[in-house]
Every structure is written in C-alpha cells, then in structure tokens.
Amino acid sequence: MAATVSEPALLVALTGDVTIDASRPMTVGQERFVDVSHHVTVRLNGFAAVQLLRIDLLTPPAPREAK
C-alpha cells in the first residue's frame, strides 16, 4: 500500500511485522510520524492482514526533550 498524506499523520501498528519505507519492521504499538506531502510505502512481511491506525494531526508533534 502506498499513500501521500496532505497533513501530518501518526501511524500506529496494531499488528506486528509491518515495514514502512524499507525500515525495520514495526512491533505492535510502535508509531511512525509522517510529514506533510511525504509518500509512504507500507509492506507486509508475512501472510497475515496488516492493521494500522492513522491519526491525522493539525500540527506536527513537538520535538522530544534531551535527557
């Protein structure tokens, strides 16, 4: 599956073994931020169905504070 977002979005893996943009496979509960107009490719690494939660954001998330 491939998509381009028109606003910032947060993708949350509801099932495991999902790869976004050829990165490491995501585990259940792991999230990935997708910036505006960024093209994303979601790939399944097994034979089960993929479930992702897409949360469209009005603004990008705040930067994480250094520890």
PDB file of N, CA and C in Angstrom:
ATOM      1  N   MET A   1       0.841  -1.161   0.000  1.00  0.00           N
ATOM      2  CA  MET A   1       0.000   0.000   0.000  1.00  0.00           C
ATOM      3  C   MET A   1       0.893   1.233   0.000  1.00  0.00           C
ATOM      4  N   ALA A   2       0.543   2.209  -0.761  1.00  0.00           N
ATOM      5  CA  ALA A   2       1.299   3.461  -0.805  1.00  0.00           C
ATOM      6  C   ALA A   2       0.318   4.615  -0.693  1.00  0.00           C
ATOM      7  N   ALA A   3       0.728   5.687  -0.017  1.00  0.00           N
ATOM      8  CA  ALA A   3      -0.146   6.843   0.141  1.00  0.00           C
ATOM      9  C   ALA A   3       0.688   8.092   0.344  1.00  0.00           C
ATOM     10  N   THR A   4       0.121   9.230  -0.027  1.00  0.00           N
ATOM     11  CA  THR A   4       0.731  10.524   0.245  1.00  0.00           C
ATOM     12  C   THR A   4      -0.223  11.267   1.163  1.00  0.00           C
ATOM     13  N   VAL A   5       0.300  11.803   2.262  1.00  0.00           N
ATOM     14  CA  VAL A   5      -0.577  12.492   3.206  1.00  0.00           C
ATOM     15  C   VAL A   5      -0.611  13.982   2.920  1.00  0.00           C
ATOM     16  N   SER A   6      -1.779  14.591   3.117  1.00  0.00           N
ATOM     17  CA  SER A   6      -1.935  16.020   2.871  1.00  0.00           C
ATOM     18  C   SER A   6      -1.764  16.830   4.152  1.00  0.00           C
ATOM     19  N   GLU A   7      -1.728  16.158   5.302  1.00  0.00           N
ATOM     20  CA  GLU A   7      -1.434  16.786   6.581  1.00  0.00           C
ATOM     21  C   GLU A   7      -0.571  15.822   7.377  1.00  0.00           C
ATOM     22  N   PRO A   8       0.131  16.294   8.405  1.00  0.00           N
ATOM     23  CA  PRO A   8       0.961  15.387   9.193  1.00  0.00           C
ATOM     24  C   PRO A   8       0.108  14.252   9.767  1.00  0.00           C
ATOM     25  N   ALA A   9       0.692  13.069   9.873  1.00  0.00           N
ATOM     26  CA  ALA A   9      -0.049  11.918  10.390  1.00  0.00           C
ATOM     27  C   ALA A   9       0.863  11.067  11.262  1.00  0.00           C
ATOM     28  N   LEU A  10       0.242  10.340  12.161  1.00  0.00           N
ATOM     29  CA  LEU A  10       0.944   9.395  13.005  1.00  0.00           C
ATOM     30  C   LEU A  10       0.383   8.019  12.700  1.00  0.00           C
ATOM     31  N   LEU A  11       1.248   7.076  12.301  1.00  0.00           N
ATOM     32  CA  LEU A  11       0.822   5.707  12.035  1.00  0.00           C
ATOM     33  C   LEU A  11       1.194   4.850  13.236  1.00  0.00           C
ATOM     34  N   VAL A  12       0.231   4.080  13.745  1.00  0.00           N
ATOM     35  CA  VAL A  12       0.453   3.199  14.884  1.00  0.00           C
ATOM     36  C   VAL A  12       0.183   1.772  14.422  1.00  0.00           C
ATOM     37  N   ALA A  13       1.145   0.874  14.646  1.00  0.00           N
ATOM     38  CA  ALA A  13       0.990  -0.522  14.255  1.00  0.00           C
ATOM     39  C   ALA A  13       0.069  -1.243  15.240  1.00  0.00           C
ATOM     40  N   LEU A  14      -1.014  -1.804  14.736  1.00  0.00           N
ATOM     41  CA  LEU A  14      -1.914  -2.602  15.562  1.00  0.00           C
ATOM     42  C   LEU A  14      -1.608  -4.088  15.423  1.00  0.00           C
ATOM     43  N   THR A  15      -0.840  -4.436  14.407  1.00  0.00           N
ATOM     44  CA  THR A  15      -0.325  -5.798  14.230  1.00  0.00           C
ATOM     45  C   THR A  15       1.177  -5.680  13.998  1.00  0.00           C
ATOM     46  N   GLY A  16       1.899  -6.728  14.258  1.00  0.00           N
ATOM     47  CA  GLY A  16       3.346  -6.696  14.087  1.00  0.00           C
ATOM     48  C   GLY A  16       3.776  -7.064  12.683  1.00  0.00           C
ATOM     49  N   ASP A  17       5.081  -6.997  12.457  1.00  0.00           N
ATOM     50  CA  ASP A  17       5.694  -7.399  11.200  1.00  0.00           C
ATOM     51  C   ASP A  17       5.260  -6.547  10.010  1.00  0.00           C
ATOM     52  N   VAL A  18       5.145  -5.235  10.238  1.00  0.00           N
ATOM     53  CA  VAL A  18       4.806  -4.275   9.194  1.00  0.00           C
ATOM     54  C   VAL A  18       6.023  -3.400   8.952  1.00  0.00           C
ATOM     55  N   THR A  19       6.367  -3.166   7.688  1.00  0.00           N
ATOM     56  CA  THR A  19       7.509  -2.319   7.347  1.00  0.00           C
ATOM     57  C   THR A  19       7.007  -1.072   6.621  1.00  0.00           C
ATOM     58  N   ILE A  20       7.511   0.086   7.043  1.00  0.00           N
ATOM     59  CA  ILE A  20       7.165   1.337   6.378  1.00  0.00           C
ATOM     60  C   ILE A  20       8.436   1.915   5.774  1.00  0.00           C
ATOM     61  N   ASP A  21       8.412   2.152   4.466  1.00  0.00           N
ATOM     62  CA  ASP A  21       9.550   2.730   3.734  1.00  0.00           C
ATOM     63  C   ASP A  21      10.852   1.964   3.943  1.00  0.00           C
ATOM     64  N   ALA A  22      10.818   0.655   3.888  1.00  0.00           N
ATOM     65  CA  ALA A  22      12.004  -0.215   3.948  1.00  0.00           C
ATOM     66  C   ALA A  22      12.811  -0.048   5.232  1.00  0.00           C
ATOM     67  N   SER A  23      12.170   0.381   6.306  1.00  0.00           N
ATOM     68  CA  SER A  23      12.865   0.476   7.589  1.00  0.00           C
ATOM     69  C   SER A  23      12.716  -0.856   8.333  1.00  0.00           C
ATOM     70  N   ARG A  24      13.152  -0.890   9.584  1.00  0.00           N
ATOM     71  CA  ARG A  24      12.992  -2.104  10.381  1.00  0.00           C
ATOM     72  C   ARG A  24      11.512  -2.390  10.606  1.00  0.00           C
ATOM     73  N   PRO A  25      11.125  -3.672  10.701  1.00  0.00           N
ATOM     74  CA  PRO A  25       9.708  -3.990  10.951  1.00  0.00           C
ATOM     75  C   PRO A  25       9.221  -3.369  12.255  1.00  0.00           C
ATOM     76  N   MET A  26       7.993  -2.877  12.229  1.00  0.00           N
ATOM     77  CA  MET A  26       7.388  -2.278  13.416  1.00  0.00           C
ATOM     78  C   MET A  26       6.779  -3.373  14.284  1.00  0.00           C
ATOM     79  N   THR A  27       6.785  -3.148  15.586  1.00  0.00           N
ATOM     80  CA  THR A  27       6.120  -4.054  16.511  1.00  0.00           C
ATOM     81  C   THR A  27       4.784  -3.438  16.905  1.00  0.00           C
ATOM     82  N   VAL A  28       3.931  -4.212  17.542  1.00  0.00           N
ATOM     83  CA  VAL A  28       2.617  -3.726  17.959  1.00  0.00           C
ATOM     84  C   VAL A  28       2.784  -2.533  18.905  1.00  0.00           C
ATOM     85  N   GLY A  29       2.087  -1.440  18.610  1.00  0.00           N
ATOM     86  CA  GLY A  29       2.139  -0.246  19.433  1.00  0.00           C
ATOM     87  C   GLY A  29       3.191   0.760  19.019  1.00  0.00           C
ATOM     88  N   GLN A  30       4.082   0.374  18.129  1.00  0.00           N
ATOM     89  CA  GLN A  30       5.124   1.298  17.678  1.00  0.00           C
ATOM     90  C   GLN A  30       4.509   2.306  16.720  1.00  0.00           C
ATOM     91  N   GLU A  31       4.999   3.548  16.776  1.00  0.00           N
ATOM     92  CA  GLU A  31       4.442   4.579  15.916  1.00  0.00           C
ATOM     93  C   GLU A  31       5.499   5.169  14.997  1.00  0.00           C
ATOM     94  N   ARG A  32       5.027   5.763  13.905  1.00  0.00           N
ATOM     95  CA  ARG A  32       5.892   6.403  12.928  1.00  0.00           C
ATOM     96  C   ARG A  32       5.230   7.701  12.493  1.00  0.00           C
ATOM     97  N   PHE A  33       5.947   8.826  12.563  1.00  0.00           N
ATOM     98  CA  PHE A  33       5.429  10.121  12.136  1.00  0.00           C
ATOM     99  C   PHE A  33       5.639  10.274  10.636  1.00  0.00           C
ATOM    100  N   VAL A  34       4.620  10.761   9.944  1.00  0.00           N
ATOM    101  CA  VAL A  34       4.701  11.000   8.505  1.00  0.00           C
ATOM    102  C   VAL A  34       4.436  12.481   8.275  1.00  0.00           C
ATOM    103  N   ASP A  35       5.418  13.180   7.688  1.00  0.00           N
ATOM    104  CA  ASP A  35       5.306  14.614   7.464  1.00  0.00           C
ATOM    105  C   ASP A  35       4.417  14.916   6.254  1.00  0.00           C
ATOM    106  N   VAL A  36       4.029  16.168   6.117  1.00  0.00           N
ATOM    107  CA  VAL A  36       3.160  16.625   5.032  1.00  0.00           C
ATOM    108  C   VAL A  36       3.771  16.299   3.672  1.00  0.00           C
ATOM    109  N   SER A  37       2.946  15.846   2.752  1.00  0.00           N
ATOM    110  CA  SER A  37       3.325  15.527   1.369  1.00  0.00           C
ATOM    111  C   SER A  37       4.415  14.472   1.265  1.00  0.00           C
ATOM    112  N   HIS A  38       4.604  13.691   2.291  1.00  0.00           N
ATOM    113  CA  HIS A  38       5.587  12.603   2.262  1.00  0.00           C
ATOM    114  C   HIS A  38       4.898  11.347   1.745  1.00  0.00           C
ATOM    115  N   HIS A  39       5.524  10.665   0.820  1.00  0.00           N
ATOM    116  CA  HIS A  39       4.989   9.427   0.242  1.00  0.00           C
ATOM    117  C   HIS A  39       5.441   8.253   1.107  1.00  0.00           C
ATOM    118  N   VAL A  40       4.493   7.423   1.551  1.00  0.00           N
ATOM    119  CA  VAL A  40       4.813   6.293   2.427  1.00  0.00           C
ATOM    120  C   VAL A  40       4.419   4.984   1.749  1.00  0.00           C
ATOM    121  N   THR A  41       5.293   3.978   1.887  1.00  0.00           N
ATOM    122  CA  THR A  41       5.001   2.644   1.377  1.00  0.00           C
ATOM    123  C   THR A  41       4.963   1.680   2.552  1.00  0.00           C
ATOM    124  N   VAL A  42       3.835   0.984   2.701  1.00  0.00           N
ATOM    125  CA  VAL A  42       3.647   0.019   3.786  1.00  0.00           C
ATOM    126  C   VAL A  42       3.733  -1.376   3.194  1.00  0.00           C
ATOM    127  N   ARG A  43       4.588  -2.205   3.781  1.00  0.00           N
ATOM    128  CA  ARG A  43       4.765  -3.581   3.286  1.00  0.00           C
ATOM    129  C   ARG A  43       4.513  -4.578   4.404  1.00  0.00           C
ATOM    130  N   LEU A  44       3.883  -5.668   4.036  1.00  0.00           N
ATOM    131  CA  LEU A  44       3.632  -6.771   4.952  1.00  0.00           C
ATOM    132  C   LEU A  44       4.778  -7.760   4.842  1.00  0.00           C
ATOM    133  N   ASN A  45       5.307  -8.209   5.976  1.00  0.00           N
ATOM    134  CA  ASN A  45       6.431  -9.139   5.969  1.00  0.00           C
ATOM    135  C   ASN A  45       6.001 -10.588   6.141  1.00  0.00           C
ATOM    136  N   GLY A  46       4.720 -10.844   6.270  1.00  0.00           N
ATOM    137  CA  GLY A  46       4.223 -12.213   6.444  1.00  0.00           C
ATOM    138  C   GLY A  46       2.980 -12.412   5.597  1.00  0.00           C
ATOM    139  N   PHE A  47       2.103 -13.297   6.069  1.00  0.00           N
ATOM    140  CA  PHE A  47       0.891 -13.609   5.305  1.00  0.00           C
ATOM    141  C   PHE A  47      -0.385 -13.134   5.994  1.00  0.00           C
ATOM    142  N   ALA A  48      -0.274 -12.572   7.192  1.00  0.00           N
ATOM    143  CA  ALA A  48      -1.452 -12.099   7.926  1.00  0.00           C
ATOM    144  C   ALA A  48      -1.834 -10.688   7.469  1.00  0.00           C
ATOM    145  N   ALA A  49      -3.037 -10.287   7.815  1.00  0.00           N
ATOM    146  CA  ALA A  49      -3.507  -8.942   7.468  1.00  0.00           C
ATOM    147  C   ALA A  49      -2.764  -7.891   8.288  1.00  0.00           C
ATOM    148  N   VAL A  50      -2.620  -6.702   7.718  1.00  0.00           N
ATOM    149  CA  VAL A  50      -1.965  -5.582   8.386  1.00  0.00           C
ATOM    150  C   VAL A  50      -3.036  -4.660   8.937  1.00  0.00           C
ATOM    151  N   GLN A  51      -2.834  -4.205  10.179  1.00  0.00           N
ATOM    152  CA  GLN A  51      -3.741  -3.220  10.754  1.00  0.00           C
ATOM    153  C   GLN A  51      -2.910  -2.053  11.266  1.00  0.00           C
ATOM    154  N   LEU A  52      -3.167  -0.872  10.701  1.00  0.00           N
ATOM    155  CA  LEU A  52      -2.504   0.368  11.117  1.00  0.00           C
ATOM    156  C   LEU A  52      -3.573   1.378  11.491  1.00  0.00           C
ATOM    157  N   LEU A  53      -3.283   2.162  12.503  1.00  0.00           N
ATOM    158  CA  LEU A  53      -4.151   3.262  12.882  1.00  0.00           C
ATOM    159  C   LEU A  53      -3.486   4.535  12.377  1.00  0.00           C
ATOM    160  N   ARG A  54      -4.197   5.304  11.582  1.00  0.00           N
ATOM    161  CA  ARG A  54      -3.664   6.567  11.062  1.00  0.00           C
ATOM    162  C   ARG A  54      -4.362   7.715  11.777  1.00  0.00           C
ATOM    163  N   ILE A  55      -3.571   8.556  12.430  1.00  0.00           N
ATOM    164  CA  ILE A  55      -4.098   9.712  13.141  1.00  0.00           C
ATOM    165  C   ILE A  55      -3.600  10.954  12.410  1.00  0.00           C
ATOM    166  N   ASP A  56      -4.516  11.688  11.788  1.00  0.00           N
ATOM    167  CA  ASP A  56      -4.159  12.928  11.100  1.00  0.00           C
ATOM    168  C   ASP A  56      -4.021  14.031  12.139  1.00  0.00           C
ATOM    169  N   LEU A  57      -2.942  14.806  12.049  1.00  0.00           N
ATOM    170  CA  LEU A  57      -2.641  15.858  13.017  1.00  0.00           C
ATOM    171  C   LEU A  57      -2.793  17.228  12.380  1.00  0.00           C
ATOM    172  N   LEU A  58      -3.211  18.195  13.195  1.00  0.00           N
ATOM    173  CA  LEU A  58      -3.311  19.564  12.700  1.00  0.00           C
ATOM    174  C   LEU A  58      -1.947  20.236  12.685  1.00  0.00           C
ATOM    175  N   THR A  59      -1.062  19.827  13.571  1.00  0.00           N
ATOM    176  CA  THR A  59       0.296  20.363  13.636  1.00  0.00           C
ATOM    177  C   THR A  59       1.263  19.207  13.882  1.00  0.00           C
ATOM    178  N   PRO A  60       2.536  19.352  13.503  1.00  0.00           N
ATOM    179  CA  PRO A  60       3.499  18.285  13.781  1.00  0.00           C
ATOM    180  C   PRO A  60       3.766  18.183  15.283  1.00  0.00           C
ATOM    181  N   PRO A  61       4.171  17.011  15.776  1.00  0.00           N
ATOM    182  CA  PRO A  61       4.444  16.876  17.197  1.00  0.00           C
ATOM    183  C   PRO A  61       5.641  17.719  17.632  1.00  0.00           C
ATOM    184  N   ALA A  62       5.643  18.118  18.895  1.00  0.00           N
ATOM    185  CA  ALA A  62       6.745  18.913  19.448  1.00  0.00           C
ATOM    186  C   ALA A  62       8.011  18.060  19.500  1.00  0.00           C
ATOM    187  N   PRO A  63       9.182  18.661  19.332  1.00  0.00           N
ATOM    188  CA  PRO A  63      10.424  17.893  19.416  1.00  0.00           C
ATOM    189  C   PRO A  63      10.603  17.304  20.813  1.00  0.00           C
ATOM    190  N   ARG A  64      11.211  16.123  20.879  1.00  0.00           N
ATOM    191  CA  ARG A  64      11.461  15.485  22.177  1.00  0.00           C
ATOM    192  C   ARG A  64      12.575  16.221  22.893  1.00  0.00           C
ATOM    193  N   GLU A  65      12.427  16.327  24.201  1.00  0.00           N
ATOM    194  CA  GLU A  65      13.442  16.990  25.011  1.00  0.00           C
ATOM    195  C   GLU A  65      14.610  16.056  25.245  1.00  0.00           C
ATOM    196  N   ALA A  66      15.828  16.591  25.248  1.00  0.00           N
ATOM    197  CA  ALA A  66      17.026  15.784  25.523  1.00  0.00           C
ATOM    198  C   ALA A  66      17.053  15.427  26.996  1.00  0.00           C
ATOM    199  N   LYS A  67      17.474  14.208  27.276  1.00  0.00           N
ATOM    200  CA  LYS A  67      17.537  13.764  28.681  1.00  0.00           C
ATOM    201  C   LYS A  67      18.860  14.094  29.298  1.00  0.00           C
TER     202      LYS A  67
END
